[in-house]
Amino acid sequence: MGETVTRAQLSEAVYQEVGLSRNESAELVELVLAEISDCLARGDTVKLSSFGSFSVRKKGGRMGRNPKTGEEVPIKPRRVLVFRPSHVLKERINGSSGGASAAAD
């Protein structure tokens, strides 16, 4: 399996590619992530071209079952985050050679 990419690694990639200072790169990554989070918290959909879209879906309450005890337990209504990858991202993940620009590993 692949490794987990951290905020620090994203900031370093911005630093290497864009040429901002390390502090500015870290701040830029934080601002982008904060804006995405704020939009989703408001219930907006976030679409990133050639990547995918994030949206919030409402799930109704229902009765669930504790798998350990078999006891029925009510599950409260909640909002869940949904990600739908773009076709370009799907093709890139599956190794098709017709899509997006190659990124450095």
N, C-alpha and C. Protein backbone atom coordinates (compact mmCIF):
# COMPACT_ATOMS: atom_id res chain seq x y z
N MET A 1 0.82 -1.19 0.00
CA MET A 1 0.00 0.00 0.00
C MET A 1 0.86 1.25 0.00
N GLY A 2 0.26 2.34 -0.42
CA GLY A 2 0.97 3.61 -0.45
C GLY A 2 1.03 4.24 0.93
N GLU A 3 1.83 5.29 1.01
CA GLU A 3 1.94 5.98 2.29
C GLU A 3 0.88 7.07 2.40
N THR A 4 0.71 7.57 3.60
CA THR A 4 -0.22 8.66 3.86
C THR A 4 0.48 9.98 3.59
N VAL A 5 -0.18 10.86 2.85
CA VAL A 5 0.38 12.18 2.56
C VAL A 5 -0.09 13.15 3.64
N THR A 6 0.85 13.89 4.20
CA THR A 6 0.55 14.82 5.30
C THR A 6 0.47 16.25 4.79
N ARG A 7 -0.03 17.12 5.65
CA ARG A 7 -0.06 18.55 5.33
C ARG A 7 1.35 19.07 5.07
N ALA A 8 2.29 18.60 5.86
CA ALA A 8 3.68 19.04 5.69
C ALA A 8 4.21 18.64 4.31
N GLN A 9 3.85 17.45 3.85
CA GLN A 9 4.30 17.01 2.52
C GLN A 9 3.62 17.84 1.42
N LEU A 10 2.35 18.15 1.61
CA LEU A 10 1.66 19.01 0.64
C LEU A 10 2.31 20.39 0.60
N SER A 11 2.62 20.93 1.77
CA SER A 11 3.28 22.24 1.85
C SER A 11 4.64 22.21 1.16
N GLU A 12 5.38 21.13 1.37
CA GLU A 12 6.70 20.99 0.74
C GLU A 12 6.56 20.90 -0.78
N ALA A 13 5.54 20.20 -1.26
CA ALA A 13 5.31 20.10 -2.71
C ALA A 13 4.99 21.48 -3.29
N VAL A 14 4.18 22.27 -2.59
CA VAL A 14 3.87 23.63 -3.05
C VAL A 14 5.16 24.46 -3.06
N TYR A 15 5.95 24.33 -2.02
CA TYR A 15 7.22 25.05 -1.94
C TYR A 15 8.11 24.71 -3.13
N GLN A 16 8.23 23.42 -3.45
CA GLN A 16 9.09 22.98 -4.55
C GLN A 16 8.58 23.43 -5.91
N GLU A 17 7.26 23.35 -6.11
CA GLU A 17 6.68 23.62 -7.44
C GLU A 17 6.40 25.09 -7.70
N VAL A 18 5.95 25.82 -6.69
CA VAL A 18 5.48 27.19 -6.91
C VAL A 18 6.56 28.21 -6.61
N GLY A 19 7.42 27.90 -5.66
CA GLY A 19 8.49 28.84 -5.34
C GLY A 19 8.16 29.81 -4.24
N LEU A 20 7.04 29.62 -3.54
CA LEU A 20 6.77 30.44 -2.36
C LEU A 20 7.71 30.01 -1.25
N SER A 21 7.81 30.81 -0.21
CA SER A 21 8.61 30.39 0.95
C SER A 21 7.91 29.20 1.62
N ARG A 22 8.65 28.51 2.47
CA ARG A 22 8.05 27.35 3.16
C ARG A 22 6.86 27.79 4.02
N ASN A 23 7.00 28.94 4.70
CA ASN A 23 5.90 29.44 5.53
C ASN A 23 4.69 29.82 4.68
N GLU A 24 4.93 30.49 3.57
CA GLU A 24 3.83 30.87 2.67
C GLU A 24 3.16 29.63 2.08
N SER A 25 3.95 28.63 1.74
CA SER A 25 3.42 27.39 1.19
C SER A 25 2.53 26.69 2.21
N ALA A 26 2.99 26.62 3.46
CA ALA A 26 2.20 25.98 4.51
C ALA A 26 0.91 26.76 4.74
N GLU A 27 1.00 28.08 4.73
CA GLU A 27 -0.18 28.92 4.93
C GLU A 27 -1.18 28.74 3.78
N LEU A 28 -0.68 28.65 2.56
CA LEU A 28 -1.55 28.44 1.40
C LEU A 28 -2.30 27.11 1.50
N VAL A 29 -1.60 26.05 1.86
CA VAL A 29 -2.25 24.73 2.03
C VAL A 29 -3.32 24.82 3.12
N GLU A 30 -3.00 25.46 4.23
CA GLU A 30 -3.97 25.60 5.33
C GLU A 30 -5.20 26.39 4.88
N LEU A 31 -4.99 27.48 4.12
CA LEU A 31 -6.11 28.29 3.65
C LEU A 31 -7.01 27.51 2.71
N VAL A 32 -6.42 26.73 1.82
CA VAL A 32 -7.22 25.92 0.88
C VAL A 32 -8.03 24.89 1.63
N LEU A 33 -7.39 24.18 2.56
CA LEU A 33 -8.10 23.15 3.33
C LEU A 33 -9.20 23.77 4.20
N ALA A 34 -8.93 24.93 4.78
CA ALA A 34 -9.93 25.61 5.61
C ALA A 34 -11.13 26.04 4.77
N GLU A 35 -10.88 26.55 3.56
CA GLU A 35 -11.97 26.98 2.68
C GLU A 35 -12.83 25.79 2.26
N ILE A 36 -12.19 24.67 1.93
CA ILE A 36 -12.94 23.46 1.57
C ILE A 36 -13.79 23.02 2.76
N SER A 37 -13.20 22.99 3.94
CA SER A 37 -13.92 22.57 5.15
C SER A 37 -15.10 23.49 5.45
N ASP A 38 -14.88 24.81 5.33
CA ASP A 38 -15.95 25.78 5.59
C ASP A 38 -17.11 25.60 4.61
N CYS A 39 -16.79 25.41 3.34
CA CYS A 39 -17.84 25.20 2.33
C CYS A 39 -18.65 23.95 2.63
N LEU A 40 -17.98 22.87 2.98
CA LEU A 40 -18.68 21.63 3.29
C LEU A 40 -19.52 21.76 4.55
N ALA A 41 -19.02 22.47 5.55
CA ALA A 41 -19.78 22.68 6.79
C ALA A 41 -21.07 23.45 6.52
N ARG A 42 -21.04 24.35 5.52
CA ARG A 42 -22.25 25.09 5.15
C ARG A 42 -23.20 24.24 4.31
N GLY A 43 -22.74 23.08 3.88
CA GLY A 43 -23.58 22.22 3.05
C GLY A 43 -23.37 22.41 1.56
N ASP A 44 -22.36 23.20 1.18
CA ASP A 44 -22.05 23.42 -0.23
C ASP A 44 -21.31 22.22 -0.80
N THR A 45 -21.34 22.08 -2.12
CA THR A 45 -20.57 21.06 -2.81
C THR A 45 -19.27 21.70 -3.29
N VAL A 46 -18.16 20.98 -3.15
CA VAL A 46 -16.86 21.47 -3.61
C VAL A 46 -16.44 20.60 -4.79
N LYS A 47 -16.30 21.24 -5.97
CA LYS A 47 -15.88 20.53 -7.18
C LYS A 47 -14.49 20.99 -7.58
N LEU A 48 -13.60 20.02 -7.73
CA LEU A 48 -12.24 20.31 -8.16
C LEU A 48 -12.04 19.64 -9.52
N SER A 49 -11.91 20.44 -10.55
CA SER A 49 -11.80 19.94 -11.91
C SER A 49 -10.69 18.91 -12.04
N SER A 50 -10.96 17.83 -12.74
CA SER A 50 -10.02 16.72 -12.97
C SER A 50 -9.63 15.98 -11.70
N PHE A 51 -10.30 16.26 -10.60
CA PHE A 51 -10.03 15.56 -9.34
C PHE A 51 -11.29 14.88 -8.84
N GLY A 52 -12.33 15.66 -8.53
CA GLY A 52 -13.58 15.09 -8.05
C GLY A 52 -14.38 16.11 -7.29
N SER A 53 -15.45 15.63 -6.66
CA SER A 53 -16.30 16.55 -5.90
C SER A 53 -16.59 15.98 -4.52
N PHE A 54 -16.65 16.90 -3.57
CA PHE A 54 -16.99 16.58 -2.19
C PHE A 54 -18.37 17.16 -1.93
N SER A 55 -19.22 16.40 -1.28
CA SER A 55 -20.53 16.93 -0.91
C SER A 55 -20.95 16.33 0.42
N VAL A 56 -21.94 16.98 1.02
CA VAL A 56 -22.47 16.52 2.30
C VAL A 56 -23.86 15.95 2.05
N ARG A 57 -24.10 14.75 2.55
CA ARG A 57 -25.39 14.10 2.37
C ARG A 57 -26.04 13.89 3.73
N LYS A 58 -27.34 14.12 3.79
CA LYS A 58 -28.07 13.90 5.04
C LYS A 58 -28.57 12.47 5.09
N LYS A 59 -28.32 11.82 6.22
CA LYS A 59 -28.82 10.47 6.42
C LYS A 59 -29.85 10.52 7.54
N GLY A 60 -30.96 9.88 7.32
CA GLY A 60 -32.02 9.87 8.32
C GLY A 60 -31.72 8.94 9.47
N GLY A 61 -32.45 9.10 10.54
CA GLY A 61 -32.31 8.22 11.68
C GLY A 61 -32.87 6.83 11.35
N ARG A 62 -32.35 5.84 12.03
CA ARG A 62 -32.84 4.47 11.81
C ARG A 62 -32.46 3.61 13.01
N MET A 63 -32.97 2.41 13.01
CA MET A 63 -32.60 1.46 14.06
C MET A 63 -31.44 0.62 13.54
N GLY A 64 -30.41 0.53 14.35
CA GLY A 64 -29.26 -0.30 14.02
C GLY A 64 -29.15 -1.43 15.01
N ARG A 65 -28.13 -2.24 14.85
CA ARG A 65 -27.95 -3.36 15.76
C ARG A 65 -26.49 -3.43 16.17
N ASN A 66 -26.27 -3.55 17.48
CA ASN A 66 -24.92 -3.73 18.00
C ASN A 66 -24.46 -5.12 17.58
N PRO A 67 -23.41 -5.25 16.77
CA PRO A 67 -23.01 -6.56 16.28
C PRO A 67 -22.49 -7.49 17.38
N LYS A 68 -22.02 -6.92 18.46
CA LYS A 68 -21.48 -7.74 19.55
C LYS A 68 -22.59 -8.36 20.39
N THR A 69 -23.61 -7.55 20.72
CA THR A 69 -24.66 -8.02 21.63
C THR A 69 -25.96 -8.36 20.91
N GLY A 70 -26.12 -7.87 19.68
CA GLY A 70 -27.37 -8.08 18.96
C GLY A 70 -28.47 -7.12 19.39
N GLU A 71 -28.17 -6.24 20.32
CA GLU A 71 -29.16 -5.29 20.84
C GLU A 71 -29.45 -4.21 19.81
N GLU A 72 -30.74 -3.87 19.64
CA GLU A 72 -31.12 -2.79 18.73
C GLU A 72 -30.77 -1.45 19.36
N VAL A 73 -30.21 -0.57 18.55
CA VAL A 73 -29.77 0.74 19.02
C VAL A 73 -30.23 1.79 18.01
N PRO A 74 -30.81 2.90 18.48
CA PRO A 74 -31.21 3.95 17.54
C PRO A 74 -29.98 4.70 17.01
N ILE A 75 -29.97 4.96 15.71
CA ILE A 75 -28.91 5.75 15.10
C ILE A 75 -29.52 7.09 14.72
N LYS A 76 -28.94 8.17 15.23
CA LYS A 76 -29.48 9.51 15.03
C LYS A 76 -29.26 9.98 13.59
N PRO A 77 -30.12 10.89 13.13
CA PRO A 77 -29.88 11.50 11.82
C PRO A 77 -28.54 12.24 11.85
N ARG A 78 -27.85 12.22 10.72
CA ARG A 78 -26.53 12.86 10.68
C ARG A 78 -26.21 13.26 9.25
N ARG A 79 -25.13 14.04 9.13
CA ARG A 79 -24.62 14.41 7.82
C ARG A 79 -23.32 13.67 7.58
N VAL A 80 -23.13 13.16 6.36
CA VAL A 80 -21.91 12.43 6.04
C VAL A 80 -21.24 13.07 4.83
N LEU A 81 -19.93 12.97 4.78
CA LEU A 81 -19.15 13.51 3.68
C LEU A 81 -19.02 12.45 2.59
N VAL A 82 -19.28 12.87 1.36
CA VAL A 82 -19.20 11.97 0.21
C VAL A 82 -18.19 12.53 -0.78
N PHE A 83 -17.31 11.67 -1.30
CA PHE A 83 -16.36 12.08 -2.33
C PHE A 83 -16.64 11.26 -3.58
N ARG A 84 -16.75 11.95 -4.71
CA ARG A 84 -16.92 11.28 -5.99
C ARG A 84 -15.75 11.67 -6.89
N PRO A 85 -14.90 10.72 -7.21
CA PRO A 85 -13.76 11.05 -8.06
C PRO A 85 -14.19 11.34 -9.49
N SER A 86 -13.42 12.19 -10.17
CA SER A 86 -13.69 12.49 -11.58
C SER A 86 -13.24 11.31 -12.43
N HIS A 87 -13.70 11.30 -13.67
CA HIS A 87 -13.26 10.24 -14.60
C HIS A 87 -11.76 10.32 -14.83
N VAL A 88 -11.22 11.55 -14.86
CA VAL A 88 -9.78 11.73 -15.06
C VAL A 88 -9.01 11.07 -13.93
N LEU A 89 -9.44 11.27 -12.69
CA LEU A 89 -8.77 10.67 -11.54
C LEU A 89 -8.91 9.16 -11.57
N LYS A 90 -10.10 8.66 -11.88
CA LYS A 90 -10.30 7.21 -11.96
C LYS A 90 -9.38 6.58 -12.99
N GLU A 91 -9.26 7.23 -14.16
CA GLU A 91 -8.38 6.70 -15.20
C GLU A 91 -6.93 6.72 -14.75
N ARG A 92 -6.54 7.77 -14.08
CA ARG A 92 -5.15 7.87 -13.62
C ARG A 92 -4.84 6.79 -12.58
N ILE A 93 -5.77 6.56 -11.67
CA ILE A 93 -5.58 5.54 -10.64
C ILE A 93 -5.50 4.15 -11.26
N ASN A 94 -6.30 3.93 -12.29
CA ASN A 94 -6.34 2.62 -12.93
C ASN A 94 -5.30 2.45 -14.03
N GLY A 95 -4.44 3.46 -14.20
CA GLY A 95 -3.31 3.30 -15.10
C GLY A 95 -3.57 3.61 -16.56
N SER A 96 -4.71 4.17 -16.90
CA SER A 96 -4.96 4.55 -18.29
C SER A 96 -4.04 5.70 -18.65
N SER A 97 -3.56 5.70 -19.88
CA SER A 97 -2.58 6.72 -20.27
C SER A 97 -3.18 7.86 -21.04
N GLY A 98 -4.48 8.09 -20.94
CA GLY A 98 -5.06 9.15 -21.72
C GLY A 98 -5.42 10.39 -20.95
N GLY A 99 -4.99 10.53 -19.70
CA GLY A 99 -5.58 11.57 -18.86
C GLY A 99 -4.69 12.71 -18.48
N ALA A 100 -4.64 12.98 -17.23
CA ALA A 100 -4.04 14.19 -16.65
C ALA A 100 -2.54 14.20 -16.78
N SER A 101 -1.97 15.35 -16.48
CA SER A 101 -0.53 15.51 -16.52
C SER A 101 0.12 14.66 -15.43
N ALA A 102 1.32 14.20 -15.71
CA ALA A 102 2.03 13.35 -14.76
C ALA A 102 2.61 14.20 -13.64
N ALA A 103 2.41 13.77 -12.42
CA ALA A 103 2.95 14.49 -11.25
C ALA A 103 4.18 13.74 -10.75
N ALA A 104 5.11 14.47 -10.20
CA ALA A 104 6.31 13.86 -9.64
C ALA A 104 5.96 13.11 -8.37
N ASP A 105 6.54 11.94 -8.20
CA ASP A 105 6.27 11.14 -6.99
C ASP A 105 7.16 11.54 -5.86
